[in-house]
Amino acid sequence: MHLRLLRLFLGFAAFAWGVSVFGVFLSWPAATTALQGLGARPIAYDPMLDYWLRMAAGAFALIGGWYLVLMIWPRKFHAAIPWFGALMVAEGVILLVHGVRLGLPPFPFYGDTAACFVGGGGIWFLARYAKP
């Protein structure tokens, strides 16, 4: 039961991070439209911003891939699971501090922060159940 719940949290994290893969492949206009849907103001094209978008999206998608690996083989990689739970909690702290500092509106700030704290906390708490 606990291992299934851990896998559920890991799958949630895999999806939450992995959905960023779309940012690697979207055209610049499609990407900026998506970002505006999440609350950004219009963004003029800048090659360096285009590059950073792909870099961040690729990194997030690769992190999501590791959560997927942990979900599929939790016993094999049991030693890494608490670290990946802590990674999400740390990201939640970063988002909370800077979201408050910047006075961001609730959407998507609250959801992102809550996903990190709930997902990461669940992974961290349940990590012990992955030991062989």
N, C-alpha and C. Protein backbone atom coordinates (compact mmCIF):
# COMPACT_ATOMS: atom_id res chain seq x y z
N MET A 1 0.82 -1.20 0.00
CA MET A 1 0.00 0.00 0.00
C MET A 1 0.86 1.27 0.00
N HIS A 2 1.85 1.31 0.90
CA HIS A 2 2.72 2.49 0.97
C HIS A 2 3.55 2.65 -0.29
N LEU A 3 4.01 1.53 -0.84
CA LEU A 3 4.80 1.59 -2.07
C LEU A 3 3.95 2.10 -3.23
N ARG A 4 2.69 1.69 -3.29
CA ARG A 4 1.80 2.20 -4.34
C ARG A 4 1.58 3.70 -4.20
N LEU A 5 1.42 4.16 -2.98
CA LEU A 5 1.24 5.58 -2.74
C LEU A 5 2.51 6.35 -3.12
N LEU A 6 3.67 5.80 -2.79
CA LEU A 6 4.94 6.41 -3.19
C LEU A 6 5.02 6.50 -4.71
N ARG A 7 4.64 5.43 -5.38
CA ARG A 7 4.65 5.44 -6.85
C ARG A 7 3.70 6.49 -7.40
N LEU A 8 2.58 6.68 -6.75
CA LEU A 8 1.62 7.71 -7.17
C LEU A 8 2.26 9.10 -7.06
N PHE A 9 2.92 9.37 -5.95
CA PHE A 9 3.60 10.66 -5.78
C PHE A 9 4.72 10.83 -6.81
N LEU A 10 5.47 9.76 -7.05
CA LEU A 10 6.56 9.83 -8.04
C LEU A 10 6.00 10.05 -9.44
N GLY A 11 4.88 9.41 -9.75
CA GLY A 11 4.23 9.61 -11.05
C GLY A 11 3.73 11.03 -11.20
N PHE A 12 3.16 11.58 -10.13
CA PHE A 12 2.73 12.98 -10.14
C PHE A 12 3.91 13.89 -10.44
N ALA A 13 5.04 13.65 -9.76
CA ALA A 13 6.23 14.47 -9.98
C ALA A 13 6.75 14.30 -11.40
N ALA A 14 6.73 13.08 -11.91
CA ALA A 14 7.18 12.84 -13.29
C ALA A 14 6.35 13.65 -14.27
N PHE A 15 5.04 13.67 -14.05
CA PHE A 15 4.17 14.45 -14.93
C PHE A 15 4.41 15.95 -14.76
N ALA A 16 4.45 16.40 -13.49
CA ALA A 16 4.58 17.83 -13.21
C ALA A 16 5.86 18.41 -13.80
N TRP A 17 6.95 17.68 -13.70
CA TRP A 17 8.22 18.15 -14.28
C TRP A 17 8.28 17.85 -15.78
N GLY A 18 7.81 16.66 -16.15
CA GLY A 18 7.95 16.20 -17.53
C GLY A 18 7.11 16.94 -18.54
N VAL A 19 6.02 17.57 -18.11
CA VAL A 19 5.16 18.30 -19.04
C VAL A 19 5.95 19.44 -19.71
N SER A 20 7.04 19.83 -19.10
CA SER A 20 7.88 20.89 -19.67
C SER A 20 8.50 20.51 -21.00
N VAL A 21 8.46 19.24 -21.36
CA VAL A 21 9.04 18.81 -22.63
C VAL A 21 8.42 19.56 -23.80
N PHE A 22 7.18 20.01 -23.65
CA PHE A 22 6.55 20.77 -24.74
C PHE A 22 7.32 22.05 -25.04
N GLY A 23 7.92 22.65 -24.01
CA GLY A 23 8.69 23.87 -24.21
C GLY A 23 9.92 23.68 -25.09
N VAL A 24 10.38 22.46 -25.20
CA VAL A 24 11.54 22.18 -26.05
C VAL A 24 11.15 22.27 -27.52
N PHE A 25 9.91 21.89 -27.84
CA PHE A 25 9.51 21.72 -29.23
C PHE A 25 8.56 22.78 -29.76
N LEU A 26 7.90 23.53 -28.88
CA LEU A 26 6.96 24.55 -29.35
C LEU A 26 7.67 25.66 -30.11
N SER A 27 6.99 26.23 -31.08
CA SER A 27 7.54 27.42 -31.74
C SER A 27 7.54 28.56 -30.73
N TRP A 28 8.33 29.60 -30.99
CA TRP A 28 8.38 30.74 -30.08
C TRP A 28 6.99 31.37 -29.90
N PRO A 29 6.23 31.62 -30.98
CA PRO A 29 4.89 32.20 -30.78
C PRO A 29 3.98 31.30 -29.93
N ALA A 30 4.03 30.00 -30.16
CA ALA A 30 3.19 29.08 -29.37
C ALA A 30 3.63 29.06 -27.91
N ALA A 31 4.94 29.10 -27.69
CA ALA A 31 5.46 29.10 -26.32
C ALA A 31 5.06 30.37 -25.58
N THR A 32 5.18 31.52 -26.24
CA THR A 32 4.82 32.77 -25.57
C THR A 32 3.31 32.85 -25.34
N THR A 33 2.53 32.30 -26.23
CA THR A 33 1.07 32.26 -26.02
C THR A 33 0.76 31.40 -24.79
N ALA A 34 1.43 30.27 -24.66
CA ALA A 34 1.23 29.41 -23.49
C ALA A 34 1.65 30.13 -22.21
N LEU A 35 2.78 30.82 -22.25
CA LEU A 35 3.25 31.56 -21.07
C LEU A 35 2.28 32.68 -20.71
N GLN A 36 1.72 33.34 -21.71
CA GLN A 36 0.73 34.38 -21.43
C GLN A 36 -0.52 33.79 -20.80
N GLY A 37 -0.87 32.57 -21.19
CA GLY A 37 -1.99 31.88 -20.57
C GLY A 37 -1.75 31.58 -19.10
N LEU A 38 -0.48 31.53 -18.73
CA LEU A 38 -0.11 31.30 -17.33
C LEU A 38 0.14 32.60 -16.58
N GLY A 39 -0.10 33.73 -17.23
CA GLY A 39 -0.01 35.00 -16.53
C GLY A 39 1.10 35.94 -16.96
N ALA A 40 1.95 35.53 -17.90
CA ALA A 40 3.04 36.40 -18.35
C ALA A 40 2.50 37.50 -19.26
N ARG A 41 3.21 38.58 -19.31
CA ARG A 41 2.90 39.64 -20.27
C ARG A 41 3.48 39.23 -21.62
N PRO A 42 3.07 39.89 -22.70
CA PRO A 42 3.66 39.56 -24.00
C PRO A 42 5.19 39.67 -23.96
N ILE A 43 5.83 38.73 -24.63
CA ILE A 43 7.29 38.64 -24.62
C ILE A 43 7.80 38.81 -26.04
N ALA A 44 8.59 39.83 -26.25
CA ALA A 44 9.19 40.05 -27.57
C ALA A 44 10.23 38.97 -27.83
N TYR A 45 10.40 38.62 -29.10
CA TYR A 45 11.38 37.59 -29.44
C TYR A 45 12.79 38.07 -29.13
N ASP A 46 13.53 37.22 -28.48
CA ASP A 46 14.94 37.45 -28.19
C ASP A 46 15.62 36.09 -28.30
N PRO A 47 16.63 35.95 -29.14
CA PRO A 47 17.27 34.63 -29.30
C PRO A 47 17.76 34.03 -27.98
N MET A 48 18.26 34.86 -27.07
CA MET A 48 18.76 34.33 -25.81
C MET A 48 17.61 33.81 -24.93
N LEU A 49 16.46 34.50 -24.95
CA LEU A 49 15.29 34.01 -24.21
C LEU A 49 14.78 32.71 -24.82
N ASP A 50 14.82 32.62 -26.13
CA ASP A 50 14.43 31.40 -26.82
C ASP A 50 15.33 30.25 -26.38
N TYR A 51 16.62 30.50 -26.33
CA TYR A 51 17.60 29.50 -25.88
C TYR A 51 17.35 29.09 -24.43
N TRP A 52 17.16 30.08 -23.55
CA TRP A 52 16.94 29.77 -22.13
C TRP A 52 15.64 29.00 -21.91
N LEU A 53 14.62 29.31 -22.70
CA LEU A 53 13.38 28.55 -22.62
C LEU A 53 13.65 27.08 -22.91
N ARG A 54 14.38 26.81 -23.99
CA ARG A 54 14.68 25.42 -24.37
C ARG A 54 15.55 24.74 -23.32
N MET A 55 16.52 25.49 -22.78
CA MET A 55 17.42 24.94 -21.77
C MET A 55 16.62 24.57 -20.50
N ALA A 56 15.78 25.48 -20.02
CA ALA A 56 14.99 25.21 -18.81
C ALA A 56 13.98 24.09 -19.06
N ALA A 57 13.30 24.14 -20.19
CA ALA A 57 12.31 23.11 -20.51
C ALA A 57 12.97 21.74 -20.61
N GLY A 58 14.13 21.68 -21.24
CA GLY A 58 14.86 20.42 -21.36
C GLY A 58 15.31 19.89 -20.01
N ALA A 59 15.82 20.77 -19.16
CA ALA A 59 16.27 20.35 -17.83
C ALA A 59 15.09 19.84 -17.00
N PHE A 60 13.98 20.56 -17.02
CA PHE A 60 12.81 20.14 -16.26
C PHE A 60 12.28 18.80 -16.78
N ALA A 61 12.25 18.63 -18.09
CA ALA A 61 11.76 17.38 -18.68
C ALA A 61 12.68 16.21 -18.29
N LEU A 62 13.98 16.44 -18.26
CA LEU A 62 14.91 15.38 -17.85
C LEU A 62 14.74 15.03 -16.38
N ILE A 63 14.47 16.02 -15.54
CA ILE A 63 14.18 15.74 -14.13
C ILE A 63 12.91 14.88 -14.04
N GLY A 64 11.90 15.25 -14.84
CA GLY A 64 10.68 14.45 -14.88
C GLY A 64 10.95 13.02 -15.31
N GLY A 65 11.88 12.85 -16.23
CA GLY A 65 12.27 11.51 -16.65
C GLY A 65 12.85 10.70 -15.51
N TRP A 66 13.63 11.34 -14.64
CA TRP A 66 14.19 10.63 -13.50
C TRP A 66 13.12 10.25 -12.50
N TYR A 67 12.12 11.13 -12.30
CA TYR A 67 11.00 10.75 -11.43
C TYR A 67 10.27 9.54 -12.01
N LEU A 68 10.15 9.48 -13.33
CA LEU A 68 9.52 8.34 -13.97
C LEU A 68 10.33 7.06 -13.72
N VAL A 69 11.64 7.15 -13.84
CA VAL A 69 12.51 5.99 -13.55
C VAL A 69 12.33 5.54 -12.10
N LEU A 70 12.28 6.50 -11.18
CA LEU A 70 12.09 6.16 -9.77
C LEU A 70 10.72 5.52 -9.54
N MET A 71 9.71 5.97 -10.26
CA MET A 71 8.38 5.39 -10.13
C MET A 71 8.36 3.94 -10.62
N ILE A 72 9.03 3.68 -11.73
CA ILE A 72 9.02 2.34 -12.32
C ILE A 72 9.86 1.36 -11.50
N TRP A 73 11.02 1.80 -11.02
CA TRP A 73 11.93 0.94 -10.27
C TRP A 73 12.28 1.53 -8.91
N PRO A 74 11.31 1.70 -8.03
CA PRO A 74 11.61 2.36 -6.75
C PRO A 74 12.58 1.57 -5.87
N ARG A 75 12.49 0.26 -5.90
CA ARG A 75 13.39 -0.53 -5.04
C ARG A 75 14.83 -0.48 -5.54
N LYS A 76 14.98 -0.47 -6.85
CA LYS A 76 16.33 -0.45 -7.44
C LYS A 76 17.04 0.87 -7.12
N PHE A 77 16.29 1.96 -7.13
CA PHE A 77 16.88 3.29 -6.92
C PHE A 77 16.43 3.91 -5.60
N HIS A 78 16.17 3.07 -4.60
CA HIS A 78 15.62 3.54 -3.33
C HIS A 78 16.48 4.61 -2.66
N ALA A 79 17.78 4.55 -2.84
CA ALA A 79 18.65 5.53 -2.19
C ALA A 79 18.47 6.94 -2.76
N ALA A 80 18.03 7.05 -3.99
CA ALA A 80 17.85 8.36 -4.62
C ALA A 80 16.51 9.01 -4.28
N ILE A 81 15.54 8.23 -3.88
CA ILE A 81 14.19 8.75 -3.70
C ILE A 81 14.11 9.86 -2.66
N PRO A 82 14.72 9.73 -1.47
CA PRO A 82 14.63 10.84 -0.52
C PRO A 82 15.25 12.13 -1.06
N TRP A 83 16.30 12.00 -1.84
CA TRP A 83 16.94 13.17 -2.43
C TRP A 83 16.00 13.88 -3.40
N PHE A 84 15.25 13.10 -4.16
CA PHE A 84 14.33 13.71 -5.12
C PHE A 84 13.09 14.29 -4.43
N GLY A 85 12.72 13.73 -3.28
CA GLY A 85 11.67 14.35 -2.47
C GLY A 85 12.16 15.69 -1.93
N ALA A 86 13.39 15.69 -1.43
CA ALA A 86 13.98 16.93 -0.90
C ALA A 86 14.15 17.98 -1.99
N LEU A 87 14.48 17.54 -3.20
CA LEU A 87 14.62 18.47 -4.33
C LEU A 87 13.32 19.23 -4.56
N MET A 88 12.20 18.52 -4.51
CA MET A 88 10.91 19.19 -4.74
C MET A 88 10.56 20.12 -3.59
N VAL A 89 10.85 19.73 -2.36
CA VAL A 89 10.58 20.60 -1.22
C VAL A 89 11.44 21.86 -1.33
N ALA A 90 12.71 21.69 -1.68
CA ALA A 90 13.60 22.85 -1.85
C ALA A 90 13.08 23.77 -2.96
N GLU A 91 12.61 23.20 -4.04
CA GLU A 91 12.04 24.01 -5.12
C GLU A 91 10.81 24.74 -4.64
N GLY A 92 10.01 24.10 -3.81
CA GLY A 92 8.84 24.74 -3.23
C GLY A 92 9.21 25.95 -2.39
N VAL A 93 10.29 25.84 -1.63
CA VAL A 93 10.77 26.97 -0.83
C VAL A 93 11.21 28.11 -1.75
N ILE A 94 11.96 27.78 -2.79
CA ILE A 94 12.40 28.80 -3.75
C ILE A 94 11.20 29.51 -4.37
N LEU A 95 10.22 28.74 -4.81
CA LEU A 95 9.02 29.33 -5.42
C LEU A 95 8.25 30.19 -4.43
N LEU A 96 8.12 29.73 -3.21
CA LEU A 96 7.38 30.48 -2.20
C LEU A 96 8.06 31.80 -1.88
N VAL A 97 9.36 31.76 -1.64
CA VAL A 97 10.10 32.98 -1.30
C VAL A 97 10.02 34.00 -2.42
N HIS A 98 10.28 33.56 -3.63
CA HIS A 98 10.33 34.52 -4.74
C HIS A 98 8.94 34.90 -5.24
N GLY A 99 7.97 34.00 -5.15
CA GLY A 99 6.61 34.35 -5.51
C GLY A 99 6.05 35.43 -4.59
N VAL A 100 6.31 35.30 -3.28
CA VAL A 100 5.88 36.32 -2.33
C VAL A 100 6.66 37.61 -2.56
N ARG A 101 7.97 37.49 -2.74
CA ARG A 101 8.81 38.68 -2.96
C ARG A 101 8.36 39.47 -4.18
N LEU A 102 7.96 38.77 -5.22
CA LEU A 102 7.55 39.43 -6.46
C LEU A 102 6.07 39.81 -6.48
N GLY A 103 5.33 39.41 -5.45
CA GLY A 103 3.91 39.73 -5.39
C GLY A 103 3.10 39.09 -6.52
N LEU A 104 3.44 37.84 -6.85
CA LEU A 104 2.75 37.16 -7.96
C LEU A 104 1.30 36.84 -7.61
N PRO A 105 0.43 36.83 -8.62
CA PRO A 105 -0.96 36.44 -8.38
C PRO A 105 -1.03 34.95 -8.08
N PRO A 106 -2.15 34.51 -7.50
CA PRO A 106 -2.28 33.10 -7.10
C PRO A 106 -2.05 32.08 -8.22
N PHE A 107 -2.52 32.37 -9.44
CA PHE A 107 -2.36 31.40 -10.53
C PHE A 107 -1.18 31.78 -11.39
N PRO A 108 -0.23 30.92 -11.62
CA PRO A 108 -0.09 29.53 -11.18
C PRO A 108 0.80 29.36 -9.95
N PHE A 109 1.18 30.48 -9.33
CA PHE A 109 2.12 30.47 -8.21
C PHE A 109 1.71 29.51 -7.09
N TYR A 110 0.47 29.59 -6.61
CA TYR A 110 0.04 28.73 -5.51
C TYR A 110 0.07 27.26 -5.91
N GLY A 111 -0.37 26.97 -7.11
CA GLY A 111 -0.39 25.58 -7.58
C GLY A 111 1.00 24.98 -7.70
N ASP A 112 1.92 25.75 -8.27
CA ASP A 112 3.30 25.26 -8.41
C ASP A 112 3.93 25.00 -7.04
N THR A 113 3.74 25.96 -6.14
CA THR A 113 4.32 25.83 -4.80
C THR A 113 3.70 24.66 -4.05
N ALA A 114 2.39 24.53 -4.10
CA ALA A 114 1.71 23.43 -3.42
C ALA A 114 2.12 22.08 -4.01
N ALA A 115 2.26 22.01 -5.33
CA ALA A 115 2.68 20.76 -5.97
C ALA A 115 4.05 20.34 -5.46
N CYS A 116 4.95 21.30 -5.30
CA CYS A 116 6.29 20.97 -4.80
C CYS A 116 6.26 20.51 -3.35
N PHE A 117 5.50 21.23 -2.50
CA PHE A 117 5.45 20.85 -1.09
C PHE A 117 4.71 19.53 -0.87
N VAL A 118 3.56 19.36 -1.52
CA VAL A 118 2.78 18.14 -1.33
C VAL A 118 3.47 16.95 -2.00
N GLY A 119 3.86 17.13 -3.27
CA GLY A 119 4.53 16.04 -3.98
C GLY A 119 5.86 15.67 -3.35
N GLY A 120 6.69 16.67 -3.09
CA GLY A 120 8.00 16.41 -2.49
C GLY A 120 7.88 15.87 -1.08
N GLY A 121 6.95 16.43 -0.29
CA GLY A 121 6.75 15.94 1.06
C GLY A 121 6.27 14.51 1.08
N GLY A 122 5.35 14.18 0.18
CA GLY A 122 4.87 12.80 0.09
C GLY A 122 5.97 11.83 -0.30
N ILE A 123 6.78 12.23 -1.26
CA ILE A 123 7.91 11.38 -1.68
C ILE A 123 8.89 11.21 -0.53
N TRP A 124 9.22 12.30 0.11
CA TRP A 124 10.18 12.27 1.21
C TRP A 124 9.68 11.39 2.36
N PHE A 125 8.41 11.55 2.71
CA PHE A 125 7.83 10.78 3.81
C PHE A 125 7.75 9.29 3.49
N LEU A 126 7.39 8.95 2.26
CA LEU A 126 7.18 7.55 1.87
C LEU A 126 8.44 6.87 1.34
N ALA A 127 9.53 7.58 1.20
CA ALA A 127 10.75 7.03 0.60
C ALA A 127 11.22 5.76 1.29
N ARG A 128 11.04 5.68 2.59
CA ARG A 128 11.53 4.50 3.35
C ARG A 128 10.86 3.20 2.92
N TYR A 129 9.68 3.29 2.30
CA TYR A 129 8.96 2.10 1.87
C TYR A 129 9.49 1.51 0.57
N ALA A 130 10.45 2.16 -0.05
CA ALA A 130 11.04 1.64 -1.28
C ALA A 130 12.22 0.72 -1.02
N LYS A 131 12.68 0.69 0.20
CA LYS A 131 13.85 -0.17 0.50
C LYS A 131 13.51 -1.63 0.26
N PRO A 132 14.45 -2.34 -0.36
CA PRO A 132 14.20 -3.76 -0.65
C PRO A 132 14.09 -4.61 0.62
